[in-house]
Each structure stands twice: as structure tokens, then as C-alpha cells.
């Protein structure tokens, strides 16, 4: 693994930065955009269309699937620049569903879905977690019964972004209730406008929402089965490896620590600058080390993908460390800001535009999403270290 970016890579990074400054329809330095918020969604879609036209959304994909066959490192650089600016350009279709269809999909599925994903024509929502099955995902109870050329799907999926107006959902369903827990599960994709689907919006503590999807005898064509019947657990697990991979934790933390350092250099407390406080200096320096460590882990995963390897334990290592690192950084940010850190974004005197207040409530949830840290450590222990299951 080469730890230095090439001249071409750095030129591409600058090209991406210049394009953002010219074409982004909002000020990323002042506005935080939520791609699942109906009022923000049109702006996000507009910009994603521009990125798709440049071929950047799926640049590392093979050309026959709508990509440019570009090096995975350049895709990483693009993702890093987007994450640093808080631009929600990389969605579940690009980072998860597309790669899964390449691995497990039929030729017909590849021909239909991949160009649409590459051109930002499909918005996806996830159908994994259920009210009674989250970290214990294999305990899911959403049932799919074969009925002619279709499956009839009944159940519920929670903590997803369906309220944003997603057009398709990918989901794990139980197709053989008599099979052992991790078997008898299949991976389906369904159009969200199908009869029998209802969506309820769930407000969160921070300024975002999630959704509950209820499915009542929803007809899903059998041609929408990805992979083999009753072996969807392996498809779903591979998708989670892709979801857990990425540079977003390190990139967003890089931006946040810069803002905290700037705040400390400009803010006095007890007659001296916060930047002169040895405890704060030590904690911020420690976090800088952790951010660079998380970044190297993400780079390593991208390097594996460039070798056509699917990261498994490596993705779990990166996800566990990266998500927990963000929580630690936010806690330090709250300590630095003190009571001002509790001010919401709409407060005129909120430091850092209220970012710390929002992240203080949301970052623990991010550490749970895509599998809790306990789940990641189990994967690392069994598949990484060869330890027996507990």
C-alpha cells in the first residue's frame, strides 16, 4: 500500500474541489444539508445529477455498468472530498446496492438497475432493521410467501430514510420460517409505490427524522430476488461490508477538529486562550492522531477493493474505530464549548453553528447504525482473530 497520493490523484482532488465551489447549489461552509429532508432533497438531487454527468458518482465501476473503470483510490478521493464538505452525494445505491447487484445480480438486473444508479435516477431506502430485530438482524420476521411469479411480503422495517421519497427499497425477508436462524432469508428489492406499503415519519432528538415502513401483502416480482432463494443472509452481509467501508467518519472529523482548533485559538476563558490550556491541547492532539488512524484504515479498505477483495473484518475494524472516534471527538467538543455547546443551530450565539449540539445527540446512533460496535467486535474476533463464538 502506497501512503502517498500520486500527482494525478492530487490534481483530481483539486478538480473536485473546484467543481464543488462552482456548481454546489448551497454554501457547504454555512449550511448542513439533509438528503432525507423533503426541502433539501431537490438541491441534493440537482447536484447529484451534475456529478453523474461528470461520471464521478460511480467512477470506479466497470464501464459496462456505467462507470469509468477509474482507480478505487480516485473514488476514495472523491468520496473524501464530499464527506469533508458534508455533501450527501454517495447514497446506498452507489455504495451498497450497485456493488451487490454486480456480485449477485442476474444480467437482467444489472442491465436495468446499474445504469439508473450511475445516473442518479433511483433513490434507495434500506429494509434491514425491524422493531424487534436490529443488531440481531438474523432475528428478522418480515415474511415473504411465494405466490405464482411473485412474493407476498408482510412485516415492517424501521430506522430508514423512506420518508424522503425513495423510489426503491432493498430488504431482507424470511422466505423459509422453518430453516435455522441465519438461513431461510432472501434479499429482495421492491418499488416503494407498490400497493400495501405505508411509511410513517419518526422524529429524532436531533434535527432529523427516520421512518417506519409497514408492508401488508406487498407483491414483489420474483425477478427482484437478488442472489439465491433462502441464501440472502450472505448477500445482506456482503452489503453490510460495503456499508461499513468508507472515509466519511475520518473526513467529517477532520473538518470538525479544524473548527474546534479555530474556536480555541479565538476564544478566551479564565483570562487566557483555550488553545493555551494544556488539557485541551492534549485532547485535541490525541484526536488528531485518531483521525489520521481512522483515515489510514479507510485508505486500506479502498486499497483492498482496488485489488478486487471484499473487506470483511477490515470493514468492521474501520467502522468500529471510526464511529467511536467521532463520538469521542464530539464529547471533547462539548467539553470545550461548555454550556454553549448545548445551543441549537437556530441560536444566533451557538458556536460552530450548533453542530456540536446536533452531533452530541446523533453520533451515538451512528455508532450503532450498520451494526453496533459489539457486533463489529464479534466479527473482528471470529473472522479476524479466529476466536470461537461466545
Protein backbone atom coordinates (compact mmCIF):
# COMPACT_ATOMS: atom_id res chain seq x y z
CA UNK A 1 0.00 0.00 0.00
CA UNK A 2 1.40 3.36 -1.10
CA UNK A 3 0.78 6.04 1.54
CA UNK A 4 1.41 8.88 -0.88
CA UNK A 5 -1.10 10.09 -3.46
CA UNK A 6 0.17 10.49 -6.99
CA UNK A 7 0.34 13.83 -8.76
CA UNK A 8 -2.64 12.77 -10.87
CA UNK A 9 -4.61 11.95 -7.73
CA UNK A 10 -3.90 15.34 -6.20
CA UNK A 11 -4.87 17.09 -9.43
CA UNK A 12 -8.13 15.17 -9.39
CA UNK A 13 -8.73 16.19 -5.77
CA UNK A 14 -8.31 19.84 -6.76
CA UNK A 15 -10.63 19.36 -9.74
CA UNK A 16 -13.33 18.02 -7.44
CA UNK A 17 -12.87 20.92 -5.00
CA UNK A 18 -13.07 23.46 -7.83
CA UNK A 19 -16.21 21.81 -9.23
CA UNK A 20 -17.90 21.96 -5.82
CA UNK A 21 -17.12 25.65 -5.44
CA UNK A 22 -18.60 26.36 -8.85
CA UNK A 23 -21.62 24.05 -9.01
CA UNK A 24 -22.84 23.23 -5.49
CA UNK A 25 -26.28 24.88 -5.02
CA UNK A 26 -25.68 25.70 -1.35
CA UNK A 27 -22.86 27.02 0.83
CA UNK A 28 -21.33 23.93 2.44
CA UNK A 29 -19.41 26.10 4.92
CA UNK A 30 -22.61 27.53 6.41
CA UNK A 31 -25.41 25.09 5.61
CA UNK A 32 -25.85 21.49 6.75
CA UNK A 33 -27.95 19.58 4.23
CA UNK A 34 -30.09 16.53 4.99
CA UNK A 35 -30.71 14.46 1.86
CA UNK A 36 -33.72 12.85 3.54
CA UNK A 37 -35.40 16.19 4.26
CA UNK A 38 -38.01 16.98 1.55
CA UNK A 39 -36.95 20.66 1.48
CA UNK A 40 -33.26 19.80 0.97
CA UNK A 41 -33.75 16.84 -1.34
CA UNK A 42 -34.24 18.81 -4.60
CA UNK A 43 -30.90 20.59 -4.13
CA UNK A 44 -29.14 17.29 -3.41
CA UNK A 45 -30.72 15.65 -6.46
CA UNK A 46 -29.75 18.61 -8.65
CA UNK A 47 -26.11 18.33 -7.63
CA UNK A 48 -26.02 14.53 -7.90
CA UNK A 49 -27.23 14.84 -11.48
CA UNK A 50 -24.29 17.14 -12.19
CA UNK A 51 -21.90 14.64 -10.61
CA UNK A 52 -23.46 11.81 -12.61
CA UNK A 53 -22.95 13.78 -15.80
CA UNK A 54 -19.25 14.07 -14.88
CA UNK A 55 -19.20 10.32 -14.29
CA UNK A 56 -17.92 10.75 -10.73
CA UNK A 57 -20.65 9.03 -8.71
CA UNK A 58 -19.60 5.56 -9.86
CA UNK A 59 -16.24 6.30 -11.43
CA UNK A 60 -14.63 3.09 -10.15
CA UNK A 61 -17.37 0.88 -11.60
CA UNK A 62 -16.65 -1.08 -14.80
CA UNK A 63 -17.52 0.80 -17.96
CA UNK A 64 -20.17 -1.75 -18.96
CA UNK A 65 -22.07 -0.85 -15.77
CA UNK A 66 -21.96 2.90 -16.26
CA UNK A 67 -18.62 3.60 -14.59
CA UNK A 68 -15.24 4.81 -15.86
CA UNK A 69 -13.12 1.91 -14.56
CA UNK A 70 -11.18 4.56 -12.63
CA UNK A 71 -8.83 3.56 -9.81
CA UNK A 72 -10.57 2.94 -6.48
CA UNK A 73 -8.20 5.45 -4.92
CA UNK A 74 -9.69 8.21 -7.06
CA UNK A 75 -13.17 7.12 -5.99
CA UNK A 76 -11.92 7.34 -2.41
CA UNK A 77 -10.62 10.87 -3.01
CA UNK A 78 -13.97 11.91 -4.44
CA UNK A 79 -15.84 10.37 -1.50
CA UNK A 80 -13.43 12.05 0.92
CA UNK A 81 -13.98 15.50 -0.59
CA UNK A 82 -17.75 15.03 -0.47
CA UNK A 83 -17.74 13.82 3.14
CA UNK A 84 -15.45 16.65 4.28
CA UNK A 85 -17.94 19.19 2.97
CA UNK A 86 -20.97 17.32 4.27
CA UNK A 87 -22.30 16.73 0.75
CA UNK A 88 -24.58 13.64 0.68
CA UNK A 89 -23.58 12.56 -2.81
CA UNK A 90 -22.83 8.89 -2.11
CA UNK A 91 -26.09 7.11 -1.40
CA UNK A 92 -26.97 3.48 -0.65
CA UNK A 93 -27.46 2.70 -4.32
CA UNK A 94 -23.94 3.76 -5.21
CA UNK A 95 -22.07 2.39 -2.22
CA UNK A 96 -24.12 -0.72 -1.43
CA UNK A 97 -26.85 -1.88 -3.82
CA UNK A 98 -24.86 -1.38 -7.02
CA UNK A 99 -21.84 -3.42 -5.86
CA UNK A 100 -24.18 -6.15 -4.57
CA UNK A 101 -26.00 -6.39 -7.91
CA UNK A 102 -22.62 -6.66 -9.66
CA UNK A 103 -21.71 -9.57 -7.39
CA UNK A 104 -25.01 -11.43 -7.10
CA UNK A 105 -27.42 -9.98 -9.67
CA UNK A 106 -28.64 -11.50 -12.90
CA UNK A 107 -27.70 -9.99 -16.25
CA UNK A 108 -31.21 -8.57 -16.49
CA UNK A 109 -30.89 -6.93 -13.06
CA UNK A 110 -27.50 -5.47 -13.93
CA UNK A 111 -28.80 -4.09 -17.19
CA UNK A 112 -31.82 -2.47 -15.54
CA UNK A 113 -30.50 -1.14 -12.22
CA UNK A 114 -26.83 -0.25 -12.66
CA UNK A 115 -27.18 2.46 -15.34
CA UNK A 116 -30.03 4.04 -13.36
CA UNK A 117 -27.95 4.08 -10.17
CA UNK A 118 -24.97 5.50 -12.04
CA UNK A 119 -27.12 8.29 -13.50
CA UNK A 120 -28.73 9.15 -10.12
CA UNK A 121 -32.16 8.08 -11.36
CA UNK A 122 -33.05 5.82 -8.41
CA UNK A 123 -33.19 6.69 -4.72
CA UNK A 124 -32.95 3.76 -2.31
CA UNK A 125 -34.01 3.11 1.25
CA UNK A 126 -32.90 0.21 3.42
CA UNK A 127 -35.16 -2.55 4.74
CA UNK A 128 -32.98 -4.29 7.30
CA UNK A 129 -33.81 -3.31 10.90
CA UNK A 130 -37.22 -4.17 12.31
CA UNK A 131 -38.93 -3.11 15.54
CA UNK A 132 -37.76 -6.39 17.10
CA UNK A 133 -34.61 -7.08 15.05
CA UNK A 134 -31.72 -4.62 14.89
CA UNK A 135 -28.26 -5.73 15.93
CA UNK A 136 -29.68 -9.26 15.98
CA UNK A 137 -30.57 -8.89 12.33
CA UNK A 138 -30.95 -12.64 11.75
CA UNK A 139 -33.98 -12.46 14.05
CA UNK A 140 -35.97 -10.55 11.40
CA UNK A 141 -39.60 -11.60 10.98
CA UNK A 142 -40.76 -9.85 7.80
CA UNK A 143 -42.26 -12.72 5.83
CA UNK A 144 -42.23 -13.35 2.08
CA UNK A 145 -44.52 -16.10 0.76
CA UNK A 146 -44.23 -17.37 -2.80
CA UNK A 147 -47.37 -16.75 -4.85
CA UNK A 148 -47.00 -17.59 -8.52
CA UNK A 149 -44.48 -15.21 -10.11
CA UNK A 150 -44.41 -13.01 -7.01
CA UNK A 151 -43.60 -12.93 -3.31
CA UNK A 152 -46.22 -11.61 -0.91
CA UNK A 153 -44.32 -9.60 1.70
CA UNK A 154 -45.75 -8.73 5.12
CA UNK A 155 -43.89 -7.10 8.01
CA UNK A 156 -42.20 -3.86 8.99
CA UNK A 157 -38.84 -2.13 8.59
CA UNK A 158 -37.60 0.72 10.77
CA UNK A 159 -34.85 3.37 11.12
CA UNK A 160 -34.66 4.02 7.37
CA UNK A 161 -35.00 7.05 5.11
CA UNK A 162 -38.20 6.10 3.31
CA UNK A 163 -39.88 9.37 4.36
CA UNK A 164 -37.59 11.19 1.92
CA UNK A 165 -39.48 9.83 -1.07
CA UNK A 166 -37.19 6.93 -2.01
CA UNK A 167 -38.32 5.09 -5.11
CA UNK A 168 -36.92 1.63 -4.26
CA UNK A 169 -36.19 -0.40 -1.14
CA UNK A 170 -33.72 -3.25 -0.68
CA UNK A 171 -34.66 -5.61 2.12
CA UNK A 172 -34.02 -8.88 3.86
CA UNK A 173 -37.08 -11.10 4.30
CA UNK A 174 -37.74 -14.55 5.73
CA UNK A 175 -38.72 -16.98 2.98
CA UNK A 176 -38.34 -20.21 4.98
CA UNK A 177 -39.53 -19.85 8.59
CA UNK A 178 -38.53 -23.44 9.41
CA UNK A 179 -34.88 -23.01 8.45
CA UNK A 180 -32.15 -22.20 11.02
CA UNK A 181 -31.92 -18.56 12.06
CA UNK A 182 -29.34 -17.36 9.51
CA UNK A 183 -30.85 -19.40 6.70
CA UNK A 184 -34.21 -19.11 5.04
CA UNK A 185 -33.57 -15.39 4.45
CA UNK A 186 -33.72 -13.80 1.00
CA UNK A 187 -32.68 -10.43 -0.44
CA UNK A 188 -35.38 -8.57 -2.38
CA UNK A 189 -35.77 -5.15 -3.97
CA UNK A 190 -39.17 -3.52 -4.25
CA UNK A 191 -40.62 -0.34 -5.67
CA UNK A 192 -41.84 1.93 -2.88
CA UNK A 193 -45.05 2.82 -4.73
CA UNK A 194 -46.21 -0.80 -4.53
CA UNK A 195 -49.68 -1.35 -3.11
CA UNK A 196 -49.60 -2.26 0.58
CA UNK A 197 -46.62 -0.10 1.60
CA UNK A 198 -47.14 2.67 4.13
CA UNK A 199 -44.49 5.00 5.56
CA UNK A 200 -44.58 6.77 8.93
CA UNK A 201 -42.14 9.53 9.82
CA UNK A 202 -40.28 9.24 13.15
CA UNK A 203 -38.79 12.47 14.55
CA UNK A 204 -35.39 12.06 16.21
CA UNK A 205 -33.84 14.02 19.10
CA UNK A 206 -31.64 15.93 16.67
CA UNK A 207 -32.92 17.85 13.66
CA UNK A 208 -33.58 14.78 11.53
CA UNK A 209 -36.19 12.08 11.06
CA UNK A 210 -36.25 8.38 10.30
CA UNK A 211 -39.11 6.21 9.08
CA UNK A 212 -41.14 3.08 9.78
CA UNK A 213 -42.22 1.08 6.71
CA UNK A 214 -45.19 -1.26 7.04
CA UNK A 215 -45.74 -3.90 4.36
CA UNK A 216 -49.09 -5.67 4.05
CA UNK A 217 -49.22 -8.40 1.37
CA UNK A 218 -46.96 -6.38 -0.91
CA UNK A 219 -46.38 -8.08 -4.25
CA UNK A 220 -42.71 -8.26 -5.21
CA UNK A 221 -41.88 -9.98 -8.53
CA UNK A 222 -39.58 -12.98 -8.19
CA UNK A 223 -37.32 -11.36 -10.77
CA UNK A 224 -36.46 -8.87 -7.98
CA UNK A 225 -34.75 -11.57 -5.92
CA UNK A 226 -31.03 -10.75 -5.68
CA UNK A 227 -28.93 -13.88 -5.28
CA UNK A 228 -30.28 -17.32 -4.38
CA UNK A 229 -33.56 -18.03 -2.61
CA UNK A 230 -33.04 -18.62 1.13
CA UNK A 231 -29.39 -17.54 0.93
CA UNK A 232 -29.94 -13.81 1.21
CA UNK A 233 -28.07 -13.60 4.50
CA UNK A 234 -24.81 -13.85 2.58
CA UNK A 235 -25.94 -11.14 0.16
CA UNK A 236 -27.04 -8.91 3.03
CA UNK A 237 -23.81 -9.48 4.96
CA UNK A 238 -21.74 -8.54 1.92
CA UNK A 239 -23.79 -5.36 1.56
CA UNK A 240 -23.05 -4.51 5.20
CA UNK A 241 -19.33 -4.86 4.48
CA UNK A 242 -19.71 -2.21 1.79
CA UNK A 243 -21.81 -0.01 4.13
CA UNK A 244 -19.19 -0.26 6.87
CA UNK A 245 -16.42 0.71 4.49
CA UNK A 246 -15.77 4.36 3.77
CA UNK A 247 -13.98 7.54 4.58
CA UNK A 248 -16.91 9.52 5.97
CA UNK A 249 -16.05 9.22 9.68
CA UNK A 250 -12.48 10.44 9.22
CA UNK A 251 -13.41 13.18 6.74
CA UNK A 252 -16.21 14.67 8.80
CA UNK A 253 -14.00 14.51 11.90
CA UNK A 254 -11.18 16.29 10.03
CA UNK A 255 -13.47 19.21 9.34
CA UNK A 256 -14.82 19.29 12.89
CA UNK A 257 -11.42 19.28 14.58
CA UNK A 258 -10.29 22.18 12.39
CA UNK A 259 -13.29 24.17 13.53
CA UNK A 260 -12.63 23.27 17.18
CA UNK A 261 -8.97 24.32 16.86
CA UNK A 262 -10.01 27.62 15.30
CA UNK A 263 -12.52 28.18 18.10
CA UNK A 264 -9.86 27.50 20.73
CA UNK A 265 -7.46 29.96 19.10
CA UNK A 266 -10.08 32.70 19.17
CA UNK A 267 -11.85 32.11 22.49
CA UNK A 268 -10.67 33.25 25.93
CA UNK A 269 -11.63 31.60 29.20
CA UNK A 270 -10.29 32.50 32.64
CA UNK A 271 -8.04 35.15 31.13
CA UNK A 272 -6.31 33.04 28.50
CA UNK A 273 -6.97 31.43 25.14
CA UNK A 274 -8.42 27.93 25.21
CA UNK A 275 -5.62 26.91 22.88
CA UNK A 276 -3.19 27.56 25.73
CA UNK A 277 -4.93 25.12 28.08
CA UNK A 278 -2.65 22.04 28.29
CA UNK A 279 -5.54 19.63 28.84
CA UNK A 280 -7.42 20.87 25.76
CA UNK A 281 -4.24 20.86 23.70
CA UNK A 282 -3.52 17.26 24.72
CA UNK A 283 -7.06 16.06 23.99
CA UNK A 284 -7.17 17.72 20.57
CA UNK A 285 -3.73 16.35 19.68
CA UNK A 286 -4.86 12.86 20.70
CA UNK A 287 -7.93 13.20 18.49
CA UNK A 288 -5.78 14.35 15.57
CA UNK A 289 -3.85 11.08 15.88
CA UNK A 290 -7.09 9.08 16.00
CA UNK A 291 -8.49 10.86 12.94
CA UNK A 292 -5.36 10.06 10.92
CA UNK A 293 -5.58 6.46 12.13
CA UNK A 294 -9.19 6.20 11.00
CA UNK A 295 -8.21 7.72 7.67
CA UNK A 296 -5.47 5.12 7.15
CA UNK A 297 -7.94 2.33 7.93
CA UNK A 298 -10.33 3.68 5.30
CA UNK A 299 -7.49 4.02 2.79
CA UNK A 300 -6.53 0.39 3.46
CA UNK A 301 -10.09 -0.77 2.75
CA UNK A 302 -10.10 1.19 -0.53
CA UNK A 303 -6.77 -0.40 -1.43
CA UNK A 304 -8.28 -3.86 -0.82
CA UNK A 305 -11.22 -3.01 -3.06
CA UNK A 306 -8.78 -1.90 -5.75
CA UNK A 307 -7.44 -5.47 -5.62
CA UNK A 308 -10.99 -6.83 -6.10
CA UNK A 309 -11.05 -8.03 -2.48
CA UNK A 310 -14.19 -7.62 -0.34
CA UNK A 311 -13.18 -6.24 3.07
CA UNK A 312 -14.83 -8.08 5.92
CA UNK A 313 -13.03 -7.84 9.25
CA UNK A 314 -11.21 -4.81 7.83
CA UNK A 315 -14.52 -3.02 7.23
CA UNK A 316 -15.61 -3.84 10.78
CA UNK A 317 -12.34 -2.53 12.20
CA UNK A 318 -12.69 0.70 10.24
CA UNK A 319 -16.35 1.13 11.17
CA UNK A 320 -15.93 0.41 14.88
CA UNK A 321 -12.91 2.66 15.29
CA UNK A 322 -14.21 5.45 13.04
CA UNK A 323 -17.68 5.73 14.55
CA UNK A 324 -16.38 5.58 18.13
CA UNK A 325 -13.70 8.13 17.28
CA UNK A 326 -16.37 10.61 16.17
CA UNK A 327 -18.23 10.12 19.46
CA UNK A 328 -15.03 10.84 21.40
CA UNK A 329 -14.32 13.97 19.35
CA UNK A 330 -17.85 15.28 19.83
CA UNK A 331 -17.62 14.71 23.59
CA UNK A 332 -14.39 16.72 23.66
CA UNK A 333 -16.10 19.41 21.59
CA UNK A 334 -18.92 19.59 24.12
CA UNK A 335 -16.37 19.89 26.93
CA UNK A 336 -14.58 22.73 25.13
CA UNK A 337 -17.76 24.66 24.32
CA UNK A 338 -19.29 24.10 27.76
CA UNK A 339 -22.90 25.22 28.15
CA UNK A 340 -22.70 26.98 24.76
CA UNK A 341 -22.36 23.53 23.19
CA UNK A 342 -25.99 22.85 24.10
CA UNK A 343 -27.28 25.66 21.89
CA UNK A 344 -29.25 24.55 18.84
CA UNK A 345 -28.36 25.54 15.26
CA UNK A 346 -31.04 28.23 15.10
CA UNK A 347 -29.48 30.10 18.04
CA UNK A 348 -27.65 33.27 16.95
CA UNK A 349 -24.93 32.71 19.54
CA UNK A 350 -24.42 28.97 19.02
CA UNK A 351 -20.70 28.27 18.44
CA UNK A 352 -19.87 26.29 15.29
CA UNK A 353 -23.45 26.85 14.07
CA UNK A 354 -24.80 24.40 16.68
CA UNK A 355 -23.01 21.45 15.09
CA UNK A 356 -21.80 20.06 18.42
CA UNK A 357 -25.30 20.00 19.90
CA UNK A 358 -26.60 18.04 16.92
CA UNK A 359 -23.67 15.61 16.80
CA UNK A 360 -23.78 15.06 20.55
CA UNK A 361 -27.22 13.51 20.10
CA UNK A 362 -26.72 11.82 16.73
CA UNK A 363 -23.19 10.38 16.87
CA UNK A 364 -24.06 7.54 19.31
CA UNK A 365 -26.77 6.45 16.86
CA UNK A 366 -24.20 6.49 14.04
CA UNK A 367 -22.04 4.17 16.12
CA UNK A 368 -24.98 1.74 16.24
CA UNK A 369 -26.09 2.01 12.60
CA UNK A 370 -24.76 -0.66 10.19
CA UNK A 371 -24.13 -2.87 13.20
CA UNK A 372 -23.23 -1.83 16.73
CA UNK A 373 -19.65 -1.77 17.97
CA UNK A 374 -20.35 -5.01 19.82
CA UNK A 375 -21.33 -6.67 16.54
CA UNK A 376 -18.19 -5.31 14.86
CA UNK A 377 -16.01 -6.68 17.66
CA UNK A 378 -17.64 -10.10 17.34
CA UNK A 379 -16.80 -10.09 13.62
CA UNK A 380 -13.22 -9.00 14.33
CA UNK A 381 -12.85 -11.68 17.00
CA UNK A 382 -14.23 -14.58 14.94
CA UNK A 383 -13.22 -13.73 11.37
CA UNK A 384 -10.15 -11.68 12.18
CA UNK A 385 -8.60 -13.42 15.13
CA UNK A 386 -10.10 -16.88 14.73
CA UNK A 387 -11.61 -16.87 18.21
CA UNK A 388 -14.60 -19.12 18.98
CA UNK A 389 -18.08 -17.66 19.15
CA UNK A 390 -19.08 -16.58 22.63
